[in-house]
Amino acid sequence: MRLRQKAAAELVGTGFLVATVIGSGIAASRLSPGNIGLQLLENSLATGAVLVALILALHPVSASFNPVVTLVERVLGTISTRTAAALVAAQVAGGLAGAVVANLMFDLPAVTLSQHARSGSGLWLGEVVATLGLVVVVLGTLRGADSSRVAYAVGGYIAAAYWFTSSTSFANPAVTLARTVTDTFAGIAPSSVLAFVLAQLLGGALGLGAVALLHPVGRTAPPARKALP
């Protein structure tokens, strides 16, 4: 598989993922004004569902949609440094494009920096937990008896993590950065991004350690590239 095909898949997949996160958040806030719980339910269901669809459609090419997952793959040696760099760049570009498209679909300015500050130790811990769990779910499923179930495992996990984590489970640096350019339900202020990304990287590292303990490579080697968000 050529690198440009992999990068294109990551760009398209991350773009649709971010468009869904932001677009469903805007739709939810308009359809259910004043009801934050219902808005979050609508947002989480749409995000979980689109992840299942995107991973099923794109995993034959590349379906991480997440720099943390891509970096974990690089650490494991399943992709090269050059490939990892290209895929992360594609994920970031796709995420920003998806945010712009989502804004425009709902007749909003293409880019408006979010004013939604998300800060505090509880939220940062939530991002560590969310990303740790995501890496365990992705790699644990890929190293299990039926790796074809990864799309459903990831979609279900993210939909649940919207609810059980204090941060509503961003768990993805590319998506986090993209959400700075929309001042809507799903937005995050640029000043909050660095701490979120550092927490996500820490969670990814802890997740990798947990997988190494729970699913040693010697038992079942992970299939190549069928991962996610």
C-alpha atoms as a PDB file:
ATOM      1  CA  MET A   1       0.000   0.000   0.000  1.00  0.00           C
ATOM      2  CA  ARG A   2       1.467   3.352  -1.031  1.00  0.00           C
ATOM      3  CA  LEU A   3       2.059   6.020   1.575  1.00  0.00           C
ATOM      4  CA  ARG A   4      -0.061   8.561  -0.274  1.00  0.00           C
ATOM      5  CA  GLN A   5      -3.023   6.165  -0.133  1.00  0.00           C
ATOM      6  CA  LYS A   6      -2.565   5.703   3.603  1.00  0.00           C
ATOM      7  CA  ALA A   7      -2.260   9.441   4.133  1.00  0.00           C
ATOM      8  CA  ALA A   8      -5.349  10.083   2.037  1.00  0.00           C
ATOM      9  CA  ALA A   9      -7.332   7.565   4.086  1.00  0.00           C
ATOM     10  CA  GLU A  10      -6.217   9.229   7.320  1.00  0.00           C
ATOM     11  CA  LEU A  11      -7.064  12.690   6.003  1.00  0.00           C
ATOM     12  CA  VAL A  12     -10.534  11.652   4.819  1.00  0.00           C
ATOM     13  CA  GLY A  13     -11.296   9.563   7.910  1.00  0.00           C
ATOM     14  CA  THR A  14     -10.181  12.193  10.410  1.00  0.00           C
ATOM     15  CA  GLY A  15     -12.048  14.849   8.454  1.00  0.00           C
ATOM     16  CA  PHE A  16     -15.318  12.938   8.629  1.00  0.00           C
ATOM     17  CA  LEU A  17     -14.724  12.120  12.290  1.00  0.00           C
ATOM     18  CA  VAL A  18     -14.247  15.775  13.229  1.00  0.00           C
ATOM     19  CA  ALA A  19     -17.136  16.898  11.031  1.00  0.00           C
ATOM     20  CA  THR A  20     -19.323  14.435  12.899  1.00  0.00           C
ATOM     21  CA  VAL A  21     -18.114  15.496  16.351  1.00  0.00           C
ATOM     22  CA  ILE A  22     -18.649  19.183  15.641  1.00  0.00           C
ATOM     23  CA  GLY A  23     -21.657  18.903  13.350  1.00  0.00           C
ATOM     24  CA  SER A  24     -23.611  16.631  15.677  1.00  0.00           C
ATOM     25  CA  GLY A  25     -22.724  18.942  18.564  1.00  0.00           C
ATOM     26  CA  ILE A  26     -24.146  21.932  16.701  1.00  0.00           C
ATOM     27  CA  ALA A  27     -27.247  19.995  15.670  1.00  0.00           C
ATOM     28  CA  ALA A  28     -27.754  18.726  19.214  1.00  0.00           C
ATOM     29  CA  SER A  29     -27.501  22.209  20.721  1.00  0.00           C
ATOM     30  CA  ARG A  30     -30.112  23.474  18.241  1.00  0.00           C
ATOM     31  CA  LEU A  31     -32.472  20.520  18.530  1.00  0.00           C
ATOM     32  CA  SER A  32     -32.246  20.214  22.319  1.00  0.00           C
ATOM     33  CA  PRO A  33     -31.565  23.724  23.636  1.00  0.00           C
ATOM     34  CA  GLY A  34     -30.925  23.919  27.343  1.00  0.00           C
ATOM     35  CA  ASN A  35     -30.668  20.143  27.799  1.00  0.00           C
ATOM     36  CA  ILE A  36     -26.932  19.420  28.099  1.00  0.00           C
ATOM     37  CA  GLY A  37     -27.437  15.755  28.917  1.00  0.00           C
ATOM     38  CA  LEU A  38     -29.490  15.120  25.806  1.00  0.00           C
ATOM     39  CA  GLN A  39     -27.029  17.116  23.710  1.00  0.00           C
ATOM     40  CA  LEU A  40     -24.159  14.950  24.950  1.00  0.00           C
ATOM     41  CA  LEU A  41     -26.151  11.780  24.262  1.00  0.00           C
ATOM     42  CA  GLU A  42     -26.802  12.860  20.687  1.00  0.00           C
ATOM     43  CA  ASN A  43     -23.172  13.861  20.208  1.00  0.00           C
ATOM     44  CA  SER A  44     -21.800  10.603  21.639  1.00  0.00           C
ATOM     45  CA  LEU A  45     -24.104   8.344  19.628  1.00  0.00           C
ATOM     46  CA  ALA A  46     -23.185  10.083  16.366  1.00  0.00           C
ATOM     47  CA  THR A  47     -19.470   9.903  17.127  1.00  0.00           C
ATOM     48  CA  GLY A  48     -19.520   6.234  18.094  1.00  0.00           C
ATOM     49  CA  ALA A  49     -21.544   5.319  15.021  1.00  0.00           C
ATOM     50  CA  VAL A  50     -19.331   7.192  12.569  1.00  0.00           C
ATOM     51  CA  LEU A  51     -16.216   5.587  14.026  1.00  0.00           C
ATOM     52  CA  VAL A  52     -17.633   2.131  13.341  1.00  0.00           C
ATOM     53  CA  ALA A  53     -18.503   3.100   9.766  1.00  0.00           C
ATOM     54  CA  LEU A  54     -15.191   4.820   9.021  1.00  0.00           C
ATOM     55  CA  ILE A  55     -13.009   2.052  10.447  1.00  0.00           C
ATOM     56  CA  LEU A  56     -14.931  -0.624   8.553  1.00  0.00           C
ATOM     57  CA  ALA A  57     -14.640   1.371   5.319  1.00  0.00           C
ATOM     58  CA  LEU A  58     -11.017   2.492   5.580  1.00  0.00           C
ATOM     59  CA  HIS A  59      -9.112  -0.110   7.593  1.00  0.00           C
ATOM     60  CA  PRO A  60      -7.952  -1.984   4.481  1.00  0.00           C
ATOM     61  CA  VAL A  61      -5.913   1.165   3.733  1.00  0.00           C
ATOM     62  CA  SER A  62      -5.384   3.008   7.033  1.00  0.00           C
ATOM     63  CA  ALA A  63      -7.797   3.816   9.846  1.00  0.00           C
ATOM     64  CA  SER A  64      -6.114   5.227  12.926  1.00  0.00           C
ATOM     65  CA  PHE A  65      -7.449   8.821  12.682  1.00  0.00           C
ATOM     66  CA  ASN A  66      -5.439   9.544  15.832  1.00  0.00           C
ATOM     67  CA  PRO A  67      -1.793  10.650  16.292  1.00  0.00           C
ATOM     68  CA  VAL A  68      -1.562   8.754  19.592  1.00  0.00           C
ATOM     69  CA  VAL A  69      -2.508   5.464  17.915  1.00  0.00           C
ATOM     70  CA  THR A  70      -0.107   6.217  15.065  1.00  0.00           C
ATOM     71  CA  LEU A  71       2.738   6.939  17.503  1.00  0.00           C
ATOM     72  CA  VAL A  72       1.989   3.706  19.351  1.00  0.00           C
ATOM     73  CA  GLU A  73       2.234   1.861  16.040  1.00  0.00           C
ATOM     74  CA  ARG A  74       5.608   3.528  15.443  1.00  0.00           C
ATOM     75  CA  VAL A  75       6.877   2.471  18.875  1.00  0.00           C
ATOM     76  CA  LEU A  76       5.757  -1.084  18.141  1.00  0.00           C
ATOM     77  CA  GLY A  77       7.620  -0.977  14.833  1.00  0.00           C
ATOM     78  CA  THR A  78       4.618  -1.690  12.607  1.00  0.00           C
ATOM     79  CA  ILE A  79       5.192   1.542  10.643  1.00  0.00           C
ATOM     80  CA  SER A  80       8.279   3.637   9.866  1.00  0.00           C
ATOM     81  CA  THR A  81       9.085   7.106  11.177  1.00  0.00           C
ATOM     82  CA  ARG A  82       8.447   8.559   7.704  1.00  0.00           C
ATOM     83  CA  THR A  83       5.058   6.881   7.511  1.00  0.00           C
ATOM     84  CA  ALA A  84       4.105   7.967  11.018  1.00  0.00           C
ATOM     85  CA  ALA A  85       5.012  11.595  10.271  1.00  0.00           C
ATOM     86  CA  ALA A  86       2.980  11.594   7.061  1.00  0.00           C
ATOM     87  CA  LEU A  87      -0.051  10.037   8.722  1.00  0.00           C
ATOM     88  CA  VAL A  88      -0.001  12.452  11.670  1.00  0.00           C
ATOM     89  CA  ALA A  89       0.234  15.400   9.266  1.00  0.00           C
ATOM     90  CA  ALA A  90      -2.713  14.008   7.311  1.00  0.00           C
ATOM     91  CA  GLN A  91      -4.729  13.520  10.493  1.00  0.00           C
ATOM     92  CA  VAL A  92      -4.146  17.108  11.617  1.00  0.00           C
ATOM     93  CA  ALA A  93      -4.968  18.510   8.173  1.00  0.00           C
ATOM     94  CA  GLY A  94      -8.061  16.327   7.850  1.00  0.00           C
ATOM     95  CA  GLY A  95      -9.278  17.313  11.279  1.00  0.00           C
ATOM     96  CA  LEU A  96      -8.982  21.031  10.560  1.00  0.00           C
ATOM     97  CA  ALA A  97     -10.734  20.584   7.213  1.00  0.00           C
ATOM     98  CA  GLY A  98     -13.534  18.654   8.895  1.00  0.00           C
ATOM     99  CA  ALA A  99     -14.009  21.429  11.440  1.00  0.00           C
ATOM    100  CA  VAL A 100     -14.260  24.082   8.730  1.00  0.00           C
ATOM    101  CA  VAL A 101     -16.758  22.007   6.750  1.00  0.00           C
ATOM    102  CA  ALA A 102     -18.890  21.401   9.844  1.00  0.00           C
ATOM    103  CA  ASN A 103     -19.009  25.129  10.590  1.00  0.00           C
ATOM    104  CA  LEU A 104     -19.986  25.952   7.025  1.00  0.00           C
ATOM    105  CA  MET A 105     -22.684  23.269   6.871  1.00  0.00           C
ATOM    106  CA  PHE A 106     -24.465  24.995   9.737  1.00  0.00           C
ATOM    107  CA  ASP A 107     -24.073  28.510   8.291  1.00  0.00           C
ATOM    108  CA  LEU A 108     -21.376  29.532  10.743  1.00  0.00           C
ATOM    109  CA  PRO A 109     -18.096  31.298   9.946  1.00  0.00           C
ATOM    110  CA  ALA A 110     -15.541  28.861   8.554  1.00  0.00           C
ATOM    111  CA  VAL A 111     -13.183  29.513  11.469  1.00  0.00           C
ATOM    112  CA  THR A 112     -14.027  30.953  14.874  1.00  0.00           C
ATOM    113  CA  LEU A 113     -11.675  30.279  17.764  1.00  0.00           C
ATOM    114  CA  SER A 114     -13.441  28.550  20.614  1.00  0.00           C
ATOM    115  CA  GLN A 115     -13.946  30.372  23.899  1.00  0.00           C
ATOM    116  CA  HIS A 116     -14.735  27.138  25.763  1.00  0.00           C
ATOM    117  CA  ALA A 117     -11.923  26.795  28.296  1.00  0.00           C
ATOM    118  CA  ARG A 118     -11.439  23.238  29.505  1.00  0.00           C
ATOM    119  CA  SER A 119      -8.908  23.156  32.310  1.00  0.00           C
ATOM    120  CA  GLY A 120      -8.310  21.457  35.644  1.00  0.00           C
ATOM    121  CA  SER A 121      -6.719  18.344  37.074  1.00  0.00           C
ATOM    122  CA  GLY A 122      -9.950  16.361  36.845  1.00  0.00           C
ATOM    123  CA  LEU A 123     -10.299  17.019  33.119  1.00  0.00           C
ATOM    124  CA  TRP A 124      -6.637  16.212  32.494  1.00  0.00           C
ATOM    125  CA  LEU A 125      -6.974  12.954  34.392  1.00  0.00           C
ATOM    126  CA  GLY A 126     -10.073  12.231  32.323  1.00  0.00           C
ATOM    127  CA  GLU A 127      -7.988  12.570  29.140  1.00  0.00           C
ATOM    128  CA  VAL A 128      -5.302  10.245  30.516  1.00  0.00           C
ATOM    129  CA  VAL A 129      -7.936   7.642  31.348  1.00  0.00           C
ATOM    130  CA  ALA A 130      -9.798   8.062  28.048  1.00  0.00           C
ATOM    131  CA  THR A 131      -6.668   7.665  25.934  1.00  0.00           C
ATOM    132  CA  LEU A 132      -5.276   4.819  28.019  1.00  0.00           C
ATOM    133  CA  GLY A 133      -8.533   2.939  27.566  1.00  0.00           C
ATOM    134  CA  LEU A 134      -8.630   3.669  23.847  1.00  0.00           C
ATOM    135  CA  VAL A 135      -5.157   2.224  23.276  1.00  0.00           C
ATOM    136  CA  VAL A 136      -6.026  -0.861  25.338  1.00  0.00           C
ATOM    137  CA  VAL A 137      -9.234  -1.362  23.349  1.00  0.00           C
ATOM    138  CA  VAL A 138      -7.553  -0.876  19.957  1.00  0.00           C
ATOM    139  CA  LEU A 139      -4.482  -3.034  20.541  1.00  0.00           C
ATOM    140  CA  GLY A 140      -6.244  -5.529  22.766  1.00  0.00           C
ATOM    141  CA  THR A 141      -8.846  -6.170  20.078  1.00  0.00           C
ATOM    142  CA  LEU A 142      -6.225  -6.383  17.328  1.00  0.00           C
ATOM    143  CA  ARG A 143      -4.261  -8.926  19.338  1.00  0.00           C
ATOM    144  CA  GLY A 144      -7.348 -10.937  20.227  1.00  0.00           C
ATOM    145  CA  ALA A 145      -8.944 -13.880  18.487  1.00  0.00           C
ATOM    146  CA  ASP A 146     -11.084 -11.765  16.139  1.00  0.00           C
ATOM    147  CA  SER A 147      -9.433  -8.505  15.133  1.00  0.00           C
ATOM    148  CA  SER A 148     -12.268  -7.730  12.707  1.00  0.00           C
ATOM    149  CA  ARG A 149     -14.286  -6.514  15.685  1.00  0.00           C
ATOM    150  CA  VAL A 150     -12.040  -3.500  16.288  1.00  0.00           C
ATOM    151  CA  ALA A 151     -14.459  -1.063  14.622  1.00  0.00           C
ATOM    152  CA  TYR A 152     -17.277  -2.016  16.991  1.00  0.00           C
ATOM    153  CA  ALA A 153     -14.977  -2.058  20.016  1.00  0.00           C
ATOM    154  CA  VAL A 154     -13.649   1.418  19.291  1.00  0.00           C
ATOM    155  CA  GLY A 155     -17.018   2.933  18.419  1.00  0.00           C
ATOM    156  CA  GLY A 156     -18.597   1.513  21.546  1.00  0.00           C
ATOM    157  CA  TYR A 157     -15.724   2.581  23.760  1.00  0.00           C
ATOM    158  CA  ILE A 158     -15.703   6.186  22.551  1.00  0.00           C
ATOM    159  CA  ALA A 159     -19.490   6.483  22.884  1.00  0.00           C
ATOM    160  CA  ALA A 160     -19.194   5.239  26.478  1.00  0.00           C
ATOM    161  CA  ALA A 161     -16.132   7.353  27.283  1.00  0.00           C
ATOM    162  CA  TYR A 162     -18.073  10.518  26.413  1.00  0.00           C
ATOM    163  CA  TRP A 163     -20.027   9.717  29.568  1.00  0.00           C
ATOM    164  CA  PHE A 164     -17.667   8.113  32.056  1.00  0.00           C
ATOM    165  CA  THR A 165     -14.759  10.551  31.661  1.00  0.00           C
ATOM    166  CA  SER A 166     -14.829  14.076  33.055  1.00  0.00           C
ATOM    167  CA  SER A 167     -13.395  15.502  29.819  1.00  0.00           C
ATOM    168  CA  THR A 168     -15.968  13.788  27.543  1.00  0.00           C
ATOM    169  CA  SER A 169     -13.109  11.821  25.975  1.00  0.00           C
ATOM    170  CA  PHE A 170     -11.287  13.872  23.361  1.00  0.00           C
ATOM    171  CA  ALA A 171      -8.516  11.203  23.447  1.00  0.00           C
ATOM    172  CA  ASN A 172      -7.046  12.433  20.151  1.00  0.00           C
ATOM    173  CA  PRO A 173      -4.576  15.313  19.563  1.00  0.00           C
ATOM    174  CA  ALA A 174      -5.704  15.921  15.965  1.00  0.00           C
ATOM    175  CA  VAL A 175      -9.351  16.135  16.975  1.00  0.00           C
ATOM    176  CA  THR A 176      -8.459  18.323  19.963  1.00  0.00           C
ATOM    177  CA  LEU A 177      -6.613  20.806  17.759  1.00  0.00           C
ATOM    178  CA  ALA A 178      -9.418  20.835  15.188  1.00  0.00           C
ATOM    179  CA  ARG A 179     -11.991  21.625  17.847  1.00  0.00           C
ATOM    180  CA  THR A 180     -10.251  24.940  18.597  1.00  0.00           C
ATOM    181  CA  VAL A 181     -11.596  26.483  15.367  1.00  0.00           C
ATOM    182  CA  THR A 182     -15.282  26.151  16.225  1.00  0.00           C
ATOM    183  CA  ASP A 183     -16.932  28.203  18.948  1.00  0.00           C
ATOM    184  CA  THR A 184     -19.722  25.679  19.400  1.00  0.00           C
ATOM    185  CA  PHE A 185     -20.788  22.841  21.710  1.00  0.00           C
ATOM    186  CA  ALA A 186     -17.742  20.698  20.860  1.00  0.00           C
ATOM    187  CA  GLY A 187     -15.151  23.476  20.915  1.00  0.00           C
ATOM    188  CA  ILE A 188     -12.095  23.850  23.125  1.00  0.00           C
ATOM    189  CA  ALA A 189     -10.169  27.055  23.705  1.00  0.00           C
ATOM    190  CA  PRO A 190      -6.664  27.087  22.174  1.00  0.00           C
ATOM    191  CA  SER A 191      -5.187  27.799  25.612  1.00  0.00           C
ATOM    192  CA  SER A 192      -6.522  24.446  26.848  1.00  0.00           C
ATOM    193  CA  VAL A 193      -5.026  22.324  24.076  1.00  0.00           C
ATOM    194  CA  LEU A 194      -1.451  21.775  25.285  1.00  0.00           C
ATOM    195  CA  ALA A 195      -2.458  20.256  28.610  1.00  0.00           C
ATOM    196  CA  PHE A 196      -5.028  18.027  26.883  1.00  0.00           C
ATOM    197  CA  VAL A 197      -2.480  16.767  24.356  1.00  0.00           C
ATOM    198  CA  LEU A 198       0.128  16.071  27.031  1.00  0.00           C
ATOM    199  CA  ALA A 199      -2.475  14.116  29.000  1.00  0.00           C
ATOM    200  CA  GLN A 200      -3.377  12.160  25.859  1.00  0.00           C
ATOM    201  CA  LEU A 201       0.275  11.292  25.202  1.00  0.00           C
ATOM    202  CA  LEU A 202       0.669  10.118  28.787  1.00  0.00           C
ATOM    203  CA  GLY A 203      -2.467   8.022  28.481  1.00  0.00           C
ATOM    204  CA  GLY A 204      -1.164   6.531  25.247  1.00  0.00           C
ATOM    205  CA  ALA A 205       2.110   5.550  26.887  1.00  0.00           C
ATOM    206  CA  LEU A 206       0.302   3.973  29.842  1.00  0.00           C
ATOM    207  CA  GLY A 207      -2.024   2.165  27.454  1.00  0.00           C
ATOM    208  CA  LEU A 208       0.929   0.755  25.532  1.00  0.00           C
ATOM    209  CA  GLY A 209       2.413  -0.532  28.781  1.00  0.00           C
ATOM    210  CA  ALA A 210      -0.876  -2.112  29.787  1.00  0.00           C
ATOM    211  CA  VAL A 211      -1.189  -3.885  26.437  1.00  0.00           C
ATOM    212  CA  ALA A 212       2.382  -5.174  26.661  1.00  0.00           C
ATOM    213  CA  LEU A 213       1.498  -6.707  30.027  1.00  0.00           C
ATOM    214  CA  LEU A 214      -1.920  -8.072  29.079  1.00  0.00           C
ATOM    215  CA  HIS A 215      -1.250  -9.127  25.485  1.00  0.00           C
ATOM    216  CA  PRO A 216       2.420 -10.090  25.013  1.00  0.00           C
ATOM    217  CA  VAL A 217       3.446 -10.047  21.366  1.00  0.00           C
ATOM    218  CA  GLY A 218       4.781 -13.579  21.669  1.00  0.00           C
ATOM    219  CA  ARG A 219       1.277 -14.881  22.263  1.00  0.00           C
ATOM    220  CA  THR A 220      -0.454 -13.308  19.278  1.00  0.00           C
ATOM    221  CA  ALA A 221       1.165 -10.851  16.883  1.00  0.00           C
ATOM    222  CA  PRO A 222      -0.958  -7.767  16.096  1.00  0.00           C
ATOM    223  CA  PRO A 223      -2.328  -7.540  12.558  1.00  0.00           C
ATOM    224  CA  ALA A 224      -1.079  -4.496  10.681  1.00  0.00           C
ATOM    225  CA  ARG A 225      -3.070  -1.266  10.738  1.00  0.00           C
ATOM    226  CA  LYS A 226      -6.689  -1.726  11.525  1.00  0.00           C
ATOM    227  CA  ALA A 227      -6.846   0.862  14.249  1.00  0.00           C
ATOM    228  CA  LEU A 228      -8.533   4.145  14.911  1.00  0.00           C
ATOM    229  CA  PRO A 229      -9.369   7.562  16.760  1.00  0.00           C
END
